[in-house]
Amino acid sequence: QVVLIESGGGAVHAGGSLRLSCATSGPIWSAGGLFWYRRAPGKEREFVASIDYKNQITDYADSVKGRFTVLRDDPLVTGYLHLYNLKPEDTATYSCNQEVATSESDSYRKYWGQGTQVTVSS
């Protein structure tokens, strides 16, 4: 069973930084793209950042561009989201989503973690 676990969240003051991790375990034959989403209280879940299956092309929501950085380790089983110059409006539960093929005969599909809380105070 493929399991994703996010960590690294916490409470910081505006202007602070955090480094979120997304560890993937289980039968991983190949890893595809990695996606980060967040859901603020009372709001819909929104896309934050992604990196493609080649670990080359990144994409960011306009609201975080220039402040957040998405990356993955060489084996592509541990992803990261570096958050800089945090603002109160960044307060949300951050979740990772990774495309995984569990065998050579299996298609890629997306797996979700439970999320890690980020709270930014003014």
Protein backbone atom coordinates (compact mmCIF):
# COMPACT_ATOMS: atom_id res chain seq x y z
CA GLN A 1 0.00 0.00 0.00
CA VAL A 2 1.34 3.42 -0.97
CA VAL A 3 1.28 5.84 1.96
CA LEU A 4 2.10 9.54 1.96
CA ILE A 5 2.90 11.42 5.17
CA GLU A 6 3.34 15.18 5.33
CA SER A 7 5.35 16.85 8.07
CA GLY A 8 7.05 20.13 8.90
CA GLY A 9 4.04 22.30 9.57
CA GLY A 10 3.83 24.62 12.52
CA ALA A 11 2.98 28.06 13.81
CA VAL A 12 5.14 31.00 12.74
CA HIS A 13 4.95 34.77 12.62
CA ALA A 14 4.53 36.66 9.39
CA GLY A 15 7.78 36.74 7.46
CA GLY A 16 8.90 33.39 8.80
CA SER A 17 9.77 30.21 6.93
CA LEU A 18 8.82 26.54 7.01
CA ARG A 19 9.96 23.43 5.17
CA LEU A 20 7.28 20.84 4.52
CA SER A 21 8.09 17.24 3.65
CA CYS A 22 6.09 14.59 1.84
CA ALA A 23 7.44 11.09 2.40
CA THR A 24 6.11 8.31 0.21
CA SER A 25 6.43 4.67 1.22
CA GLY A 26 5.22 1.36 -0.13
CA PRO A 27 5.57 -0.41 -3.48
CA ILE A 28 6.91 2.27 -5.82
CA TRP A 29 7.93 1.10 -9.24
CA SER A 30 8.02 4.62 -10.63
CA ALA A 31 7.13 8.09 -9.37
CA GLY A 32 5.44 10.71 -11.50
CA GLY A 33 4.59 14.30 -10.72
CA LEU A 34 4.32 15.78 -7.25
CA PHE A 35 1.59 18.26 -6.36
CA TRP A 36 0.97 20.41 -3.30
CA TYR A 37 -2.47 21.73 -2.35
CA ARG A 38 -3.80 23.71 0.58
CA ARG A 39 -7.16 24.32 2.17
CA ALA A 40 -7.75 27.35 4.35
CA PRO A 41 -10.61 27.45 6.88
CA GLY A 42 -13.88 28.07 5.11
CA LYS A 43 -12.32 27.93 1.65
CA GLU A 44 -12.02 25.45 -1.17
CA ARG A 45 -8.87 23.43 -1.64
CA GLU A 46 -6.49 25.17 -4.02
CA PHE A 47 -3.44 24.24 -6.02
CA VAL A 48 -0.16 25.54 -4.61
CA ALA A 49 2.79 24.05 -6.49
CA SER A 50 3.93 21.09 -8.55
CA ILE A 51 6.97 19.51 -10.13
CA ASP A 52 6.73 17.22 -13.13
CA TYR A 53 7.68 13.56 -13.48
CA LYS A 54 11.07 14.49 -14.91
CA ASN A 55 11.75 16.59 -11.80
CA GLN A 56 12.44 19.57 -14.04
CA ILE A 57 9.38 21.72 -14.68
CA THR A 58 7.73 23.48 -11.75
CA ASP A 59 4.47 25.38 -11.50
CA TYR A 60 3.14 27.70 -8.80
CA ALA A 61 -0.03 29.48 -7.92
CA ASP A 62 0.26 33.22 -8.44
CA SER A 63 -0.35 33.82 -4.75
CA VAL A 64 2.82 31.95 -3.73
CA LYS A 65 5.09 32.49 -6.72
CA GLY A 66 8.48 33.81 -5.65
CA ARG A 67 7.93 32.74 -2.03
CA PHE A 68 7.49 28.95 -2.24
CA THR A 69 9.81 26.36 -3.79
CA VAL A 70 8.88 22.78 -4.65
CA LEU A 71 11.52 20.07 -5.05
CA ARG A 72 12.19 16.36 -4.60
CA ASP A 73 15.07 14.15 -3.57
CA ASP A 74 16.99 12.15 -6.15
CA PRO A 75 14.94 8.94 -5.64
CA LEU A 76 11.79 11.06 -6.12
CA VAL A 77 10.09 9.46 -3.12
CA THR A 78 10.44 12.42 -0.77
CA GLY A 79 9.06 15.76 -1.84
CA TYR A 80 9.43 19.17 -0.24
CA LEU A 81 7.77 22.52 -0.20
CA HIS A 82 9.90 25.39 1.08
CA LEU A 83 7.82 28.32 2.27
CA TYR A 84 9.45 31.74 2.67
CA ASN A 85 8.14 35.14 3.72
CA LEU A 86 4.96 33.59 5.02
CA LYS A 87 1.82 35.66 5.28
CA PRO A 88 -1.28 35.19 7.44
CA GLU A 89 -3.24 34.32 4.30
CA ASP A 90 -0.96 31.29 3.87
CA THR A 91 -2.59 29.70 6.90
CA ALA A 92 -4.02 26.37 5.76
CA THR A 93 -3.70 22.62 5.82
CA TYR A 94 -1.13 21.63 3.21
CA SER A 95 -1.45 18.26 1.47
CA CYS A 96 0.76 16.50 -1.02
CA ASN A 97 -0.34 14.40 -3.95
CA GLN A 98 2.08 12.15 -5.79
CA GLU A 99 1.63 10.11 -8.94
CA VAL A 100 2.85 6.55 -8.40
CA ALA A 101 2.96 3.37 -10.45
CA THR A 102 3.20 0.39 -8.10
CA SER A 103 4.41 -2.06 -10.74
CA GLU A 104 5.48 -2.09 -14.36
CA SER A 105 2.01 -3.29 -15.33
CA ASP A 106 0.22 -0.64 -13.26
CA SER A 107 -0.83 2.80 -14.47
CA TYR A 108 0.11 5.97 -12.64
CA ARG A 109 -2.43 7.24 -10.17
CA LYS A 110 -2.45 9.93 -7.52
CA TYR A 111 -2.04 9.24 -3.82
CA TRP A 112 -2.86 11.70 -1.03
CA GLY A 113 -1.51 12.37 2.42
CA GLN A 114 -3.56 13.65 5.37
CA GLY A 115 -1.92 17.07 5.42
CA THR A 116 0.13 19.22 7.77
CA GLN A 117 -1.08 22.43 9.37
CA VAL A 118 0.59 25.77 8.71
CA THR A 119 -0.48 28.71 10.85
CA VAL A 120 0.91 32.20 10.26
CA SER A 121 0.19 34.97 12.73
CA SER A 122 0.50 38.67 12.07
